[in-house]
Amino acid sequence: MTAGRRNPPPSGGGGSQYTDSQIGRNFWLTRNHHGAGSWARGLGEDDNELTRAAQSYGELDLISGEDGMLHFE
């Protein structure tokens, strides 16, 4: 494994790489039920496991506050 990259779970096949950026984006989308993310990777049962894990964190929104800062809600 190369720094900053993750190998896909074994059922992913094809030798493709799953980057930290992709992992983070898929986690966020899946966690917040956006209809995209981990489950859409084509990893079979691993998709289901990633979806359950991400959704166990609950939804979280990022908002722009009146103070010009970003806040989690």
PDB file of N, CA and C in Angstrom:
ATOM      1  N   MET A   1       0.855  -1.171   0.000  1.00  0.00           N
ATOM      2  CA  MET A   1       0.000   0.000   0.000  1.00  0.00           C
ATOM      3  C   MET A   1       0.900   1.232   0.000  1.00  0.00           C
ATOM      4  N   THR A   2       0.525   2.194  -0.824  1.00  0.00           N
ATOM      5  CA  THR A   2       1.268   3.445  -0.928  1.00  0.00           C
ATOM      6  C   THR A   2       0.675   4.456   0.029  1.00  0.00           C
ATOM      7  N   ALA A   3       1.503   5.325   0.609  1.00  0.00           N
ATOM      8  CA  ALA A   3       0.998   6.362   1.511  1.00  0.00           C
ATOM      9  C   ALA A   3      -0.064   7.179   0.793  1.00  0.00           C
ATOM     10  N   GLY A   4      -1.194   7.423   1.467  1.00  0.00           N
ATOM     11  CA  GLY A   4      -2.262   8.221   0.896  1.00  0.00           C
ATOM     12  C   GLY A   4      -3.212   7.442   0.010  1.00  0.00           C
ATOM     13  N   ARG A   5      -3.005   6.145  -0.134  1.00  0.00           N
ATOM     14  CA  ARG A   5      -3.883   5.320  -0.970  1.00  0.00           C
ATOM     15  C   ARG A   5      -4.256   4.056  -0.210  1.00  0.00           C
ATOM     16  N   ARG A   6      -5.428   3.557  -0.508  1.00  0.00           N
ATOM     17  CA  ARG A   6      -5.882   2.317   0.098  1.00  0.00           C
ATOM     18  C   ARG A   6      -6.205   1.334  -1.011  1.00  0.00           C
ATOM     19  N   ASN A   7      -5.865   0.096  -0.815  1.00  0.00           N
ATOM     20  CA  ASN A   7      -6.284  -0.931  -1.754  1.00  0.00           C
ATOM     21  C   ASN A   7      -7.754  -1.219  -1.499  1.00  0.00           C
ATOM     22  N   PRO A   8      -8.520  -1.487  -2.548  1.00  0.00           N
ATOM     23  CA  PRO A   8      -9.928  -1.807  -2.337  1.00  0.00           C
ATOM     24  C   PRO A   8     -10.065  -3.146  -1.640  1.00  0.00           C
ATOM     25  N   PRO A   9     -11.211  -3.388  -1.012  1.00  0.00           N
ATOM     26  CA  PRO A   9     -11.440  -4.714  -0.444  1.00  0.00           C
ATOM     27  C   PRO A   9     -11.297  -5.762  -1.537  1.00  0.00           C
ATOM     28  N   PRO A  10     -10.972  -7.000  -1.178  1.00  0.00           N
ATOM     29  CA  PRO A  10     -10.699  -8.040  -2.164  1.00  0.00           C
ATOM     30  C   PRO A  10     -11.767  -8.208  -3.237  1.00  0.00           C
ATOM     31  N   SER A  11     -13.037  -8.021  -2.911  1.00  0.00           N
ATOM     32  CA  SER A  11     -14.082  -8.231  -3.913  1.00  0.00           C
ATOM     33  C   SER A  11     -14.101  -7.132  -4.963  1.00  0.00           C
ATOM     34  N   GLY A  12     -13.334  -6.034  -4.756  1.00  0.00           N
ATOM     35  CA  GLY A  12     -13.300  -4.937  -5.719  1.00  0.00           C
ATOM     36  C   GLY A  12     -12.637  -5.338  -7.019  1.00  0.00           C
ATOM     37  N   GLY A  13     -11.630  -6.202  -6.958  1.00  0.00           N
ATOM     38  CA  GLY A  13     -10.949  -6.694  -8.153  1.00  0.00           C
ATOM     39  C   GLY A  13     -10.400  -5.584  -9.022  1.00  0.00           C
ATOM     40  N   GLY A  14      -9.852  -5.935 -10.147  1.00  0.00           N
ATOM     41  CA  GLY A  14      -9.387  -4.962 -11.117  1.00  0.00           C
ATOM     42  C   GLY A  14      -8.127  -4.224 -10.751  1.00  0.00           C
ATOM     43  N   GLY A  15      -7.597  -4.382  -9.562  1.00  0.00           N
ATOM     44  CA  GLY A  15      -6.359  -3.723  -9.169  1.00  0.00           C
ATOM     45  C   GLY A  15      -6.470  -2.213  -9.021  1.00  0.00           C
ATOM     46  N   SER A  16      -7.693  -1.670  -8.969  1.00  0.00           N
ATOM     47  CA  SER A  16      -7.845  -0.222  -8.832  1.00  0.00           C
ATOM     48  C   SER A  16      -7.468   0.223  -7.424  1.00  0.00           C
ATOM     49  N   GLN A  17      -7.151   1.498  -7.301  1.00  0.00           N
ATOM     50  CA  GLN A  17      -6.793   2.081  -6.012  1.00  0.00           C
ATOM     51  C   GLN A  17      -7.935   2.944  -5.521  1.00  0.00           C
ATOM     52  N   TYR A  18      -8.089   3.023  -4.223  1.00  0.00           N
ATOM     53  CA  TYR A  18      -9.133   3.797  -3.566  1.00  0.00           C
ATOM     54  C   TYR A  18      -8.403   4.855  -2.754  1.00  0.00           C
ATOM     55  N   THR A  19      -8.423   6.126  -3.180  1.00  0.00           N
ATOM     56  CA  THR A  19      -7.636   7.171  -2.536  1.00  0.00           C
ATOM     57  C   THR A  19      -8.296   7.654  -1.251  1.00  0.00           C
ATOM     58  N   ASP A  20      -7.508   8.302  -0.400  1.00  0.00           N
ATOM     59  CA  ASP A  20      -8.047   8.879   0.832  1.00  0.00           C
ATOM     60  C   ASP A  20      -9.156   9.875   0.512  1.00  0.00           C
ATOM     61  N   SER A  21      -8.975  10.650  -0.553  1.00  0.00           N
ATOM     62  CA  SER A  21      -9.988  11.622  -0.958  1.00  0.00           C
ATOM     63  C   SER A  21     -11.300  10.927  -1.319  1.00  0.00           C
ATOM     64  N   GLN A  22     -11.221   9.827  -2.053  1.00  0.00           N
ATOM     65  CA  GLN A  22     -12.423   9.071  -2.414  1.00  0.00           C
ATOM     66  C   GLN A  22     -13.074   8.468  -1.177  1.00  0.00           C
ATOM     67  N   ILE A  23     -12.261   7.950  -0.278  1.00  0.00           N
ATOM     68  CA  ILE A  23     -12.785   7.373   0.959  1.00  0.00           C
ATOM     69  C   ILE A  23     -13.539   8.429   1.749  1.00  0.00           C
ATOM     70  N   GLY A  24     -12.937   9.608   1.922  1.00  0.00           N
ATOM     71  CA  GLY A  24     -13.573  10.690   2.676  1.00  0.00           C
ATOM     72  C   GLY A  24     -14.857  11.165   2.024  1.00  0.00           C
ATOM     73  N   ARG A  25     -14.834  11.362   0.725  1.00  0.00           N
ATOM     74  CA  ARG A  25     -16.024  11.829  -0.007  1.00  0.00           C
ATOM     75  C   ARG A  25     -17.144  10.789   0.094  1.00  0.00           C
ATOM     76  N   ASN A  26     -16.805   9.522  -0.124  1.00  0.00           N
ATOM     77  CA  ASN A  26     -17.819   8.477  -0.040  1.00  0.00           C
ATOM     78  C   ASN A  26     -18.370   8.333   1.373  1.00  0.00           C
ATOM     79  N   PHE A  27     -17.507   8.478   2.380  1.00  0.00           N
ATOM     80  CA  PHE A  27     -17.965   8.426   3.768  1.00  0.00           C
ATOM     81  C   PHE A  27     -18.973   9.540   4.023  1.00  0.00           C
ATOM     82  N   TRP A  28     -18.633  10.774   3.612  1.00  0.00           N
ATOM     83  CA  TRP A  28     -19.509  11.934   3.850  1.00  0.00           C
ATOM     84  C   TRP A  28     -20.854  11.759   3.142  1.00  0.00           C
ATOM     85  N   LEU A  29     -20.817  11.378   1.872  1.00  0.00           N
ATOM     86  CA  LEU A  29     -22.052  11.222   1.104  1.00  0.00           C
ATOM     87  C   LEU A  29     -22.929  10.112   1.680  1.00  0.00           C
ATOM     88  N   THR A  30     -22.311   9.000   2.030  1.00  0.00           N
ATOM     89  CA  THR A  30     -23.066   7.869   2.567  1.00  0.00           C
ATOM     90  C   THR A  30     -23.601   8.183   3.950  1.00  0.00           C
ATOM     91  N   ARG A  31     -22.787   8.791   4.789  1.00  0.00           N
ATOM     92  CA  ARG A  31     -23.189   9.147   6.147  1.00  0.00           C
ATOM     93  C   ARG A  31     -24.425  10.030   6.141  1.00  0.00           C
ATOM     94  N   ASN A  32     -24.487  10.929   5.170  1.00  0.00           N
ATOM     95  CA  ASN A  32     -25.570  11.905   5.110  1.00  0.00           C
ATOM     96  C   ASN A  32     -26.694  11.507   4.158  1.00  0.00           C
ATOM     97  N   HIS A  33     -26.714  10.243   3.733  1.00  0.00           N
ATOM     98  CA  HIS A  33     -27.803   9.688   2.918  1.00  0.00           C
ATOM     99  C   HIS A  33     -28.027  10.489   1.631  1.00  0.00           C
ATOM    100  N   HIS A  34     -26.941  10.857   0.939  1.00  0.00           N
ATOM    101  CA  HIS A  34     -27.061  11.657  -0.278  1.00  0.00           C
ATOM    102  C   HIS A  34     -27.325  10.834  -1.534  1.00  0.00           C
ATOM    103  N   GLY A  35     -27.478   9.537  -1.406  1.00  0.00           N
ATOM    104  CA  GLY A  35     -27.793   8.700  -2.561  1.00  0.00           C
ATOM    105  C   GLY A  35     -26.588   8.391  -3.435  1.00  0.00           C
ATOM    106  N   ALA A  36     -25.422   8.625  -2.911  1.00  0.00           N
ATOM    107  CA  ALA A  36     -24.169   8.288  -3.589  1.00  0.00           C
ATOM    108  C   ALA A  36     -23.171   7.946  -2.498  1.00  0.00           C
ATOM    109  N   GLY A  37     -22.045   7.427  -2.898  1.00  0.00           N
ATOM    110  CA  GLY A  37     -21.022   7.140  -1.902  1.00  0.00           C
ATOM    111  C   GLY A  37     -20.584   5.700  -1.907  1.00  0.00           C
ATOM    112  N   SER A  38     -20.324   5.162  -0.725  1.00  0.00           N
ATOM    113  CA  SER A  38     -19.722   3.840  -0.591  1.00  0.00           C
ATOM    114  C   SER A  38     -20.485   2.765  -1.328  1.00  0.00           C
ATOM    115  N   TRP A  39     -21.793   2.751  -1.230  1.00  0.00           N
ATOM    116  CA  TRP A  39     -22.584   1.680  -1.825  1.00  0.00           C
ATOM    117  C   TRP A  39     -22.490   1.665  -3.351  1.00  0.00           C
ATOM    118  N   ALA A  40     -22.096   2.772  -3.955  1.00  0.00           N
ATOM    119  CA  ALA A  40     -22.036   2.877  -5.415  1.00  0.00           C
ATOM    120  C   ALA A  40     -20.693   2.430  -6.004  1.00  0.00           C
ATOM    121  N   ARG A  41     -19.785   1.903  -5.199  1.00  0.00           N
ATOM    122  CA  ARG A  41     -18.451   1.532  -5.666  1.00  0.00           C
ATOM    123  C   ARG A  41     -18.409   0.179  -6.376  1.00  0.00           C
ATOM    124  N   GLY A  42     -19.477  -0.588  -6.296  1.00  0.00           N
ATOM    125  CA  GLY A  42     -19.484  -1.894  -6.960  1.00  0.00           C
ATOM    126  C   GLY A  42     -18.657  -2.931  -6.226  1.00  0.00           C
ATOM    127  N   LEU A  43     -18.627  -2.847  -4.901  1.00  0.00           N
ATOM    128  CA  LEU A  43     -17.801  -3.762  -4.110  1.00  0.00           C
ATOM    129  C   LEU A  43     -18.610  -4.879  -3.463  1.00  0.00           C
ATOM    130  N   GLY A  44     -19.857  -5.064  -3.873  1.00  0.00           N
ATOM    131  CA  GLY A  44     -20.674  -6.148  -3.336  1.00  0.00           C
ATOM    132  C   GLY A  44     -20.973  -5.982  -1.856  1.00  0.00           C
ATOM    133  N   GLU A  45     -20.770  -7.042  -1.098  1.00  0.00           N
ATOM    134  CA  GLU A  45     -21.066  -7.023   0.340  1.00  0.00           C
ATOM    135  C   GLU A  45     -20.221  -5.981   1.070  1.00  0.00           C
ATOM    136  N   ASP A  46     -19.030  -5.699   0.560  1.00  0.00           N
ATOM    137  CA  ASP A  46     -18.199  -4.661   1.180  1.00  0.00           C
ATOM    138  C   ASP A  46     -18.891  -3.306   1.120  1.00  0.00           C
ATOM    139  N   ASP A  47     -19.670  -3.040   0.045  1.00  0.00           N
ATOM    140  CA  ASP A  47     -20.456  -1.807  -0.048  1.00  0.00           C
ATOM    141  C   ASP A  47     -21.424  -1.710   1.117  1.00  0.00           C
ATOM    142  N   ASN A  48     -22.110  -2.823   1.394  1.00  0.00           N
ATOM    143  CA  ASN A  48     -23.091  -2.835   2.483  1.00  0.00           C
ATOM    144  C   ASN A  48     -22.429  -2.576   3.820  1.00  0.00           C
ATOM    145  N   GLU A  49     -21.260  -3.172   4.025  1.00  0.00           N
ATOM    146  CA  GLU A  49     -20.541  -2.984   5.285  1.00  0.00           C
ATOM    147  C   GLU A  49     -20.086  -1.531   5.440  1.00  0.00           C
ATOM    148  N   LEU A  50     -19.552  -0.946   4.356  1.00  0.00           N
ATOM    149  CA  LEU A  50     -19.123   0.455   4.399  1.00  0.00           C
ATOM    150  C   LEU A  50     -20.309   1.382   4.640  1.00  0.00           C
ATOM    151  N   THR A  51     -21.439   1.086   4.020  1.00  0.00           N
ATOM    152  CA  THR A  51     -22.641   1.901   4.210  1.00  0.00           C
ATOM    153  C   THR A  51     -23.113   1.844   5.652  1.00  0.00           C
ATOM    154  N   ARG A  52     -23.204   0.657   6.222  1.00  0.00           N
ATOM    155  CA  ARG A  52     -23.629   0.519   7.624  1.00  0.00           C
ATOM    156  C   ARG A  52     -22.679   1.271   8.551  1.00  0.00           C
ATOM    157  N   ALA A  53     -21.386   1.152   8.302  1.00  0.00           N
ATOM    158  CA  ALA A  53     -20.404   1.824   9.164  1.00  0.00           C
ATOM    159  C   ALA A  53     -20.547   3.341   9.060  1.00  0.00           C
ATOM    160  N   ALA A  54     -20.648   3.874   7.847  1.00  0.00           N
ATOM    161  CA  ALA A  54     -20.757   5.328   7.669  1.00  0.00           C
ATOM    162  C   ALA A  54     -22.044   5.859   8.287  1.00  0.00           C
ATOM    163  N   GLN A  55     -23.150   5.174   8.069  1.00  0.00           N
ATOM    164  CA  GLN A  55     -24.429   5.660   8.581  1.00  0.00           C
ATOM    165  C   GLN A  55     -24.537   5.534  10.088  1.00  0.00           C
ATOM    166  N   SER A  56     -23.703   4.708  10.699  1.00  0.00           N
ATOM    167  CA  SER A  56     -23.727   4.582  12.157  1.00  0.00           C
ATOM    168  C   SER A  56     -23.250   5.864  12.841  1.00  0.00           C
ATOM    169  N   TYR A  57     -22.570   6.751  12.097  1.00  0.00           N
ATOM    170  CA  TYR A  57     -22.111   8.015  12.649  1.00  0.00           C
ATOM    171  C   TYR A  57     -23.205   9.073  12.684  1.00  0.00           C
ATOM    172  N   GLY A  58     -24.320   8.836  12.011  1.00  0.00           N
ATOM    173  CA  GLY A  58     -25.415   9.795  11.966  1.00  0.00           C
ATOM    174  C   GLY A  58     -25.128  10.924  10.985  1.00  0.00           C
ATOM    175  N   GLU A  59     -26.193  11.641  10.627  1.00  0.00           N
ATOM    176  CA  GLU A  59     -26.055  12.745   9.676  1.00  0.00           C
ATOM    177  C   GLU A  59     -25.411  13.955  10.340  1.00  0.00           C
ATOM    178  N   LEU A  60     -24.691  14.731   9.526  1.00  0.00           N
ATOM    179  CA  LEU A  60     -24.016  15.934  10.002  1.00  0.00           C
ATOM    180  C   LEU A  60     -24.006  16.944   8.870  1.00  0.00           C
ATOM    181  N   ASP A  61     -24.439  18.168   9.158  1.00  0.00           N
ATOM    182  CA  ASP A  61     -24.471  19.216   8.148  1.00  0.00           C
ATOM    183  C   ASP A  61     -23.364  20.223   8.392  1.00  0.00           C
ATOM    184  N   LEU A  62     -22.860  20.773   7.310  1.00  0.00           N
ATOM    185  CA  LEU A  62     -21.857  21.830   7.362  1.00  0.00           C
ATOM    186  C   LEU A  62     -22.547  23.108   6.919  1.00  0.00           C
ATOM    187  N   ILE A  63     -22.534  24.129   7.772  1.00  0.00           N
ATOM    188  CA  ILE A  63     -23.210  25.382   7.450  1.00  0.00           C
ATOM    189  C   ILE A  63     -22.239  26.550   7.547  1.00  0.00           C
ATOM    190  N   SER A  64     -22.547  27.598   6.818  1.00  0.00           N
ATOM    191  CA  SER A  64     -21.772  28.832   6.886  1.00  0.00           C
ATOM    192  C   SER A  64     -22.448  29.742   7.893  1.00  0.00           C
ATOM    193  N   GLY A  65     -21.731  30.067   8.953  1.00  0.00           N
ATOM    194  CA  GLY A  65     -22.307  30.892  10.011  1.00  0.00           C
ATOM    195  C   GLY A  65     -22.246  32.375   9.694  1.00  0.00           C
ATOM    196  N   GLU A  66     -22.997  33.148  10.445  1.00  0.00           N
ATOM    197  CA  GLU A  66     -22.989  34.606  10.279  1.00  0.00           C
ATOM    198  C   GLU A  66     -21.615  35.184  10.570  1.00  0.00           C
ATOM    199  N   ASP A  67     -20.798  34.436  11.292  1.00  0.00           N
ATOM    200  CA  ASP A  67     -19.438  34.890  11.611  1.00  0.00           C
ATOM    201  C   ASP A  67     -18.446  34.600  10.480  1.00  0.00           C
ATOM    202  N   GLY A  68     -18.965  34.059   9.366  1.00  0.00           N
ATOM    203  CA  GLY A  68     -18.106  33.755   8.221  1.00  0.00           C
ATOM    204  C   GLY A  68     -17.336  32.451   8.351  1.00  0.00           C
ATOM    205  N   MET A  69     -17.563  31.735   9.436  1.00  0.00           N
ATOM    206  CA  MET A  69     -16.896  30.465   9.684  1.00  0.00           C
ATOM    207  C   MET A  69     -17.826  29.315   9.307  1.00  0.00           C
ATOM    208  N   LEU A  70     -17.232  28.158   9.031  1.00  0.00           N
ATOM    209  CA  LEU A  70     -18.008  26.955   8.780  1.00  0.00           C
ATOM    210  C   LEU A  70     -18.240  26.233  10.096  1.00  0.00           C
ATOM    211  N   HIS A  71     -19.450  25.741  10.276  1.00  0.00           N
ATOM    212  CA  HIS A  71     -19.822  25.061  11.516  1.00  0.00           C
ATOM    213  C   HIS A  71     -20.520  23.750  11.185  1.00  0.00           C
ATOM    214  N   PHE A  72     -20.318  22.750  12.037  1.00  0.00           N
ATOM    215  CA  PHE A  72     -21.016  21.484  11.907  1.00  0.00           C
ATOM    216  C   PHE A  72     -22.282  21.568  12.742  1.00  0.00           C
ATOM    217  N   GLU A  73     -23.353  21.034  12.189  1.00  0.00           N
ATOM    218  CA  GLU A  73     -24.641  21.100  12.884  1.00  0.00           C
ATOM    219  C   GLU A  73     -25.284  19.731  12.866  1.00  0.00           C
TER     220      GLU A  73
END
